[in-house]
Protein backbone atom coordinates (compact mmCIF):
# COMPACT_ATOMS: atom_id res chain seq x y z
CA UNK A 1 11.68 19.05 5.37
CA UNK A 2 13.77 21.77 3.78
CA UNK A 3 15.05 25.07 5.17
CA UNK A 4 15.96 28.22 3.25
CA UNK A 5 19.47 29.56 4.00
CA UNK A 6 19.02 32.74 1.96
CA UNK A 7 20.32 31.35 -1.30
CA UNK A 8 19.32 27.67 -1.45
CA UNK A 9 17.05 25.07 0.17
CA UNK A 10 18.85 22.65 2.54
CA UNK A 11 17.46 19.29 3.67
CA UNK A 12 16.66 19.03 7.40
CA UNK A 13 15.48 15.41 7.30
CA UNK A 14 12.11 14.40 8.60
CA UNK A 15 9.91 11.37 9.08
CA UNK A 16 6.89 10.66 6.89
CA UNK A 17 4.01 8.62 8.26
CA UNK A 18 1.91 8.28 5.11
CA UNK A 19 -0.76 6.11 6.77
CA UNK A 20 -1.85 9.06 8.91
CA UNK A 21 -0.62 11.77 6.52
CA UNK A 22 1.90 13.23 8.98
CA UNK A 23 5.38 14.68 8.55
CA UNK A 24 7.52 15.11 11.68
CA UNK A 25 10.78 16.98 12.06
CA UNK A 26 12.53 18.58 15.02
CA UNK A 27 12.93 22.33 14.49
CA UNK A 28 15.87 23.65 16.51
CA UNK A 29 16.17 27.20 15.18
CA UNK A 30 14.09 29.99 13.68
CA UNK A 31 13.95 30.11 9.91
CA UNK A 32 11.95 29.55 6.76
CA UNK A 33 10.87 25.93 6.24
CA UNK A 34 8.97 24.01 3.59
CA UNK A 35 7.75 20.47 3.00
CA UNK A 36 8.78 19.19 -0.40
CA UNK A 37 8.35 15.95 -2.31
CA UNK A 38 11.63 14.22 -3.10
CA UNK A 39 12.60 10.95 -4.72
CA UNK A 40 12.32 7.82 -2.58
CA UNK A 41 15.17 7.57 -0.09
CA UNK A 42 17.40 4.47 -0.15
CA UNK A 43 19.08 3.32 3.06
CA UNK A 44 22.87 3.42 3.22
CA UNK A 45 24.40 0.46 5.11
CA UNK A 46 27.18 2.68 6.46
CA UNK A 47 24.72 5.20 7.98
CA UNK A 48 24.97 6.01 11.68
CA UNK A 49 22.99 7.84 14.31
CA UNK A 50 25.00 10.81 15.54
CA UNK A 51 26.28 10.08 19.03
CA UNK A 52 24.43 12.10 21.64
CA UNK A 53 21.80 13.35 19.15
CA UNK A 54 18.90 11.31 20.56
CA UNK A 55 16.45 13.50 22.47
CA UNK A 56 12.99 12.93 23.88
CA UNK A 57 11.00 16.10 24.50
CA UNK A 58 9.49 16.37 26.94
CA UNK A 59 11.40 13.83 29.06
CA UNK A 60 8.35 13.48 31.34
CA UNK A 61 4.82 13.35 29.95
CA UNK A 62 1.35 12.03 30.72
CA UNK A 63 -0.83 10.23 28.18
CA UNK A 64 -3.82 11.25 30.36
CA UNK A 65 -2.90 14.95 30.33
CA UNK A 66 -2.51 15.84 34.03
CA UNK A 67 -1.20 19.31 33.05
CA UNK A 68 1.72 17.69 31.19
CA UNK A 69 2.15 17.04 27.46
CA UNK A 70 0.29 13.94 26.26
CA UNK A 71 3.18 12.59 24.16
CA UNK A 72 6.92 12.79 23.71
CA UNK A 73 8.81 13.49 20.50
CA UNK A 74 11.78 11.23 19.87
CA UNK A 75 14.32 12.88 17.57
CA UNK A 76 17.83 12.08 16.36
CA UNK A 77 20.32 12.88 13.60
CA UNK A 78 21.39 10.50 10.86
CA UNK A 79 24.57 11.13 8.85
CA UNK A 80 23.03 9.39 5.79
CA UNK A 81 19.65 7.91 4.89
CA UNK A 82 19.23 4.79 7.02
CA UNK A 83 17.02 1.94 8.06
CA UNK A 84 16.11 2.56 11.72
CA UNK A 85 14.24 0.67 14.43
CA UNK A 86 12.72 2.53 17.39
CA UNK A 87 11.51 0.58 20.43
CA UNK A 88 10.22 1.47 23.89
CA UNK A 89 11.03 -0.82 26.84
CA UNK A 90 9.98 -0.79 30.47
CA UNK A 91 12.71 -0.82 33.13
CA UNK A 92 12.40 -4.62 33.41
CA UNK A 93 13.57 -4.82 29.78
CA UNK A 94 10.25 -5.92 28.28
CA UNK A 95 9.29 -4.46 24.92
CA UNK A 96 6.32 -2.11 25.43
CA UNK A 97 5.93 -0.61 21.94
CA UNK A 98 7.60 -0.97 18.54
CA UNK A 99 7.40 2.51 16.99
CA UNK A 100 9.36 1.79 13.81
CA UNK A 101 10.88 -1.36 12.38
CA UNK A 102 13.49 -1.00 9.65
CA UNK A 103 11.88 2.26 8.56
CA UNK A 104 13.84 4.16 5.93
CA UNK A 105 14.58 7.63 7.31
CA UNK A 106 16.24 10.62 5.66
CA UNK A 107 19.65 12.11 6.37
CA UNK A 108 19.47 14.83 8.99
CA UNK A 109 17.08 15.26 11.92
CA UNK A 110 14.22 12.76 12.19
CA UNK A 111 11.34 12.77 14.67
CA UNK A 112 8.70 10.27 15.79
CA UNK A 113 6.08 10.61 18.50
CA UNK A 114 5.11 8.20 21.27
CA UNK A 115 1.75 8.68 22.96
CA UNK A 116 2.46 6.46 25.98
CA UNK A 117 0.47 3.55 24.59
CA UNK A 118 1.67 -0.06 24.60
CA UNK A 119 1.31 -2.55 21.73
CA UNK A 120 -2.32 -3.20 22.74
CA UNK A 121 -3.09 0.56 22.62
CA UNK A 122 -3.43 0.69 26.39
CA UNK A 123 -1.89 3.55 28.38
CA UNK A 124 1.32 2.35 30.05
CA UNK A 125 1.66 2.57 33.85
CA UNK A 126 3.48 5.43 35.55
CA UNK A 127 7.22 4.85 35.54
CA UNK A 128 10.49 5.07 33.68
CA UNK A 129 10.80 3.79 30.11
CA UNK A 130 13.76 3.34 27.77
CA UNK A 131 13.57 4.56 24.18
CA UNK A 132 16.08 2.67 22.01
CA UNK A 133 16.95 3.79 18.46
CA UNK A 134 18.92 1.28 16.42
CA UNK A 135 20.70 2.10 13.17
CA UNK A 136 22.96 -0.63 11.82
CA UNK A 137 24.72 -2.28 14.76
CA UNK A 138 24.51 0.78 17.02
CA UNK A 139 21.73 1.45 19.55
CA UNK A 140 21.27 4.77 21.36
CA UNK A 141 19.09 4.66 24.52
CA UNK A 142 17.28 7.47 26.36
CA UNK A 143 15.28 7.22 29.59
CA UNK A 144 11.93 9.01 29.82
CA UNK A 145 9.18 9.17 32.46
CA UNK A 146 5.46 8.58 32.13
CA UNK A 147 3.19 10.04 34.79
CA UNK A 148 -0.47 9.00 34.94
CA UNK A 149 -1.88 10.10 38.28
């Protein structure tokens, strides 16, 4: 994803899910944006996730609806293109869903969605879950809530 600053296009990052023809990026300000094809991104081994940049919006959601959003968007900043792994755990520490494994992501803001489904495509029970984003040897966690009543 690119943004126009009045004189030049600037990369904002983004996540491409070619299997479902989807591009995701967190937009944090008004502006002019465009989706553009670029050369394949290569991961940089020294890349890092920016400390404190991991967000999950909304922090509470319901895969069943229940007047809440049906998914959460997990977004974070990378200082360079990187290979990232994104996992969701329950509070007992059991892996619920692997959202991305060693996926090459662009520099800048990246975003992935989680629909509240486990690895068997079943809706997870109501409760707290931990989203963990790993880049290199660093993992950033964020707690979110799923409500299904």
